[in-house]
C-alpha atoms as a PDB file:
ATOM      1  CA  MET A   1      -5.631 281.906 203.073  1.00  0.00           C
ATOM      2  CA  PRO A   2      -2.297 280.788 204.319  1.00  0.00           C
ATOM      3  CA  LYS A   3      -0.843 282.250 207.460  1.00  0.00           C
ATOM      4  CA  THR A   4       2.782 283.165 207.555  1.00  0.00           C
ATOM      5  CA  PRO A   5       5.060 282.005 210.432  1.00  0.00           C
ATOM      6  CA  SER A   6       5.001 285.383 212.175  1.00  0.00           C
ATOM      7  CA  VAL A   7       1.150 285.633 212.126  1.00  0.00           C
ATOM      8  CA  ILE A   8       1.117 282.092 213.749  1.00  0.00           C
ATOM      9  CA  LEU A   9       3.798 283.182 216.248  1.00  0.00           C
ATOM     10  CA  LYS A  10       1.830 286.256 217.096  1.00  0.00           C
ATOM     11  CA  LYS A  11      -1.465 284.216 217.817  1.00  0.00           C
ATOM     12  CA  LEU A  12       0.591 281.693 219.936  1.00  0.00           C
ATOM     13  CA  LEU A  13       1.957 284.725 221.995  1.00  0.00           C
ATOM     14  CA  GLU A  14      -1.430 286.152 222.402  1.00  0.00           C
ATOM     15  CA  ASP A  15      -2.713 283.083 223.822  1.00  0.00           C
ATOM     16  CA  ARG A  16      -0.030 283.446 226.562  1.00  0.00           C
ATOM     17  CA  GLN A  17      -0.897 287.022 227.212  1.00  0.00           C
ATOM     18  CA  ILE A  18       2.159 288.328 225.330  1.00  0.00           C
ATOM     19  CA  GLU A  19       1.971 290.866 222.578  1.00  0.00           C
ATOM     20  CA  MET A  20       4.444 290.751 219.752  1.00  0.00           C
ATOM     21  CA  LEU A  21       5.515 294.273 218.922  1.00  0.00           C
ATOM     22  CA  ASP A  22       8.060 293.767 216.093  1.00  0.00           C
ATOM     23  CA  ILE A  23      10.501 291.504 214.380  1.00  0.00           C
ATOM     24  CA  TYR A  24      13.738 292.910 213.375  1.00  0.00           C
ATOM     25  CA  HIS A  25      15.356 290.880 210.547  1.00  0.00           C
ATOM     26  CA  TYR A  26      19.181 290.570 210.304  1.00  0.00           C
ATOM     27  CA  ARG A  27      21.302 288.350 208.172  1.00  0.00           C
ATOM     28  CA  ASP A  28      22.057 285.722 210.787  1.00  0.00           C
ATOM     29  CA  LYS A  29      19.250 286.317 213.445  1.00  0.00           C
ATOM     30  CA  ASP A  30      15.983 287.894 214.248  1.00  0.00           C
ATOM     31  CA  ILE A  31      15.242 290.106 217.097  1.00  0.00           C
ATOM     32  CA  ILE A  32      11.620 289.977 218.377  1.00  0.00           C
ATOM     33  CA  ARG A  33      10.351 292.632 220.720  1.00  0.00           C
ATOM     34  CA  VAL A  34       7.560 291.647 222.984  1.00  0.00           C
ATOM     35  CA  LYS A  35       5.391 293.021 225.815  1.00  0.00           C
ATOM     36  CA  ASP A  36       3.926 291.051 228.636  1.00  0.00           C
ATOM     37  CA  LYS A  37       0.342 292.138 228.907  1.00  0.00           C
ATOM     38  CA  LEU A  38       0.126 291.323 232.634  1.00  0.00           C
ATOM     39  CA  SER A  39       3.033 293.368 233.813  1.00  0.00           C
ATOM     40  CA  GLY A  40       3.740 295.688 230.918  1.00  0.00           C
ATOM     41  CA  ARG A  41       7.379 294.622 230.725  1.00  0.00           C
ATOM     42  CA  VAL A  42       8.999 294.911 227.210  1.00  0.00           C
ATOM     43  CA  GLU A  43      11.780 292.548 226.355  1.00  0.00           C
ATOM     44  CA  LEU A  44      14.011 291.721 223.224  1.00  0.00           C
ATOM     45  CA  TYR A  45      14.258 288.029 222.427  1.00  0.00           C
ATOM     46  CA  VAL A  46      17.114 287.141 219.939  1.00  0.00           C
ATOM     47  CA  SER A  47      16.312 284.159 217.808  1.00  0.00           C
ATOM     48  CA  LYS A  48      19.225 282.312 216.172  1.00  0.00           C
ATOM     49  CA  THR A  49      17.004 281.291 213.407  1.00  0.00           C
ATOM     50  CA  HIS A  50      14.657 283.451 211.296  1.00  0.00           C
ATOM     51  CA  VAL A  51      11.001 283.180 212.192  1.00  0.00           C
ATOM     52  CA  ARG A  52      10.171 283.188 208.401  1.00  0.00           C
ATOM     53  CA  ASP A  53      12.098 279.917 207.917  1.00  0.00           C
ATOM     54  CA  MET A  54      10.296 278.042 210.796  1.00  0.00           C
ATOM     55  CA  VAL A  55       7.682 275.996 208.758  1.00  0.00           C
ATOM     56  CA  ASP A  56       6.399 273.543 211.469  1.00  0.00           C
ATOM     57  CA  LYS A  57       4.257 274.707 214.326  1.00  0.00           C
ATOM     58  CA  GLU A  58       6.283 272.783 216.879  1.00  0.00           C
ATOM     59  CA  SER A  59       9.172 275.133 216.266  1.00  0.00           C
ATOM     60  CA  LEU A  60       7.131 278.077 216.614  1.00  0.00           C
ATOM     61  CA  GLU A  61       5.474 276.864 219.841  1.00  0.00           C
ATOM     62  CA  LYS A  62       8.970 276.318 221.369  1.00  0.00           C
ATOM     63  CA  LEU A  63       9.882 279.637 220.411  1.00  0.00           C
ATOM     64  CA  ALA A  64       6.640 281.053 222.036  1.00  0.00           C
ATOM     65  CA  SER A  65       7.558 278.957 225.111  1.00  0.00           C
ATOM     66  CA  ASP A  66      11.085 280.424 225.271  1.00  0.00           C
ATOM     67  CA  ILE A  67       9.785 283.864 224.814  1.00  0.00           C
ATOM     68  CA  GLU A  68       7.252 283.268 227.660  1.00  0.00           C
ATOM     69  CA  ALA A  69      10.065 281.964 229.911  1.00  0.00           C
ATOM     70  CA  LEU A  70      12.098 285.054 229.316  1.00  0.00           C
ATOM     71  CA  LEU A  71       9.287 287.464 230.302  1.00  0.00           C
ATOM     72  CA  ARG A  72       8.204 285.454 233.249  1.00  0.00           C
ATOM     73  CA  GLY A  73      11.744 284.931 234.586  1.00  0.00           C
ATOM     74  CA  ASN A  74      11.707 281.223 234.267  1.00  0.00           C
ATOM     75  CA  LYS A  75      15.103 281.101 232.265  1.00  0.00           C
END
């Protein structure tokens, strides 16, 4: 069964010890609510592109890296 981009993103984040809680869809952006499993910190990440429109794994990996940088304070 094919996986949706949000399922793939959730798996990529789990590999980084991050839990994806919600994705809020808006007309021009998505807001992704994530929780750092190590510190318990919850953040909102604003994605300018919709997660459902990301078809290649490279863009999803970049998004997961950006979310990790936000949570870990590297950005």
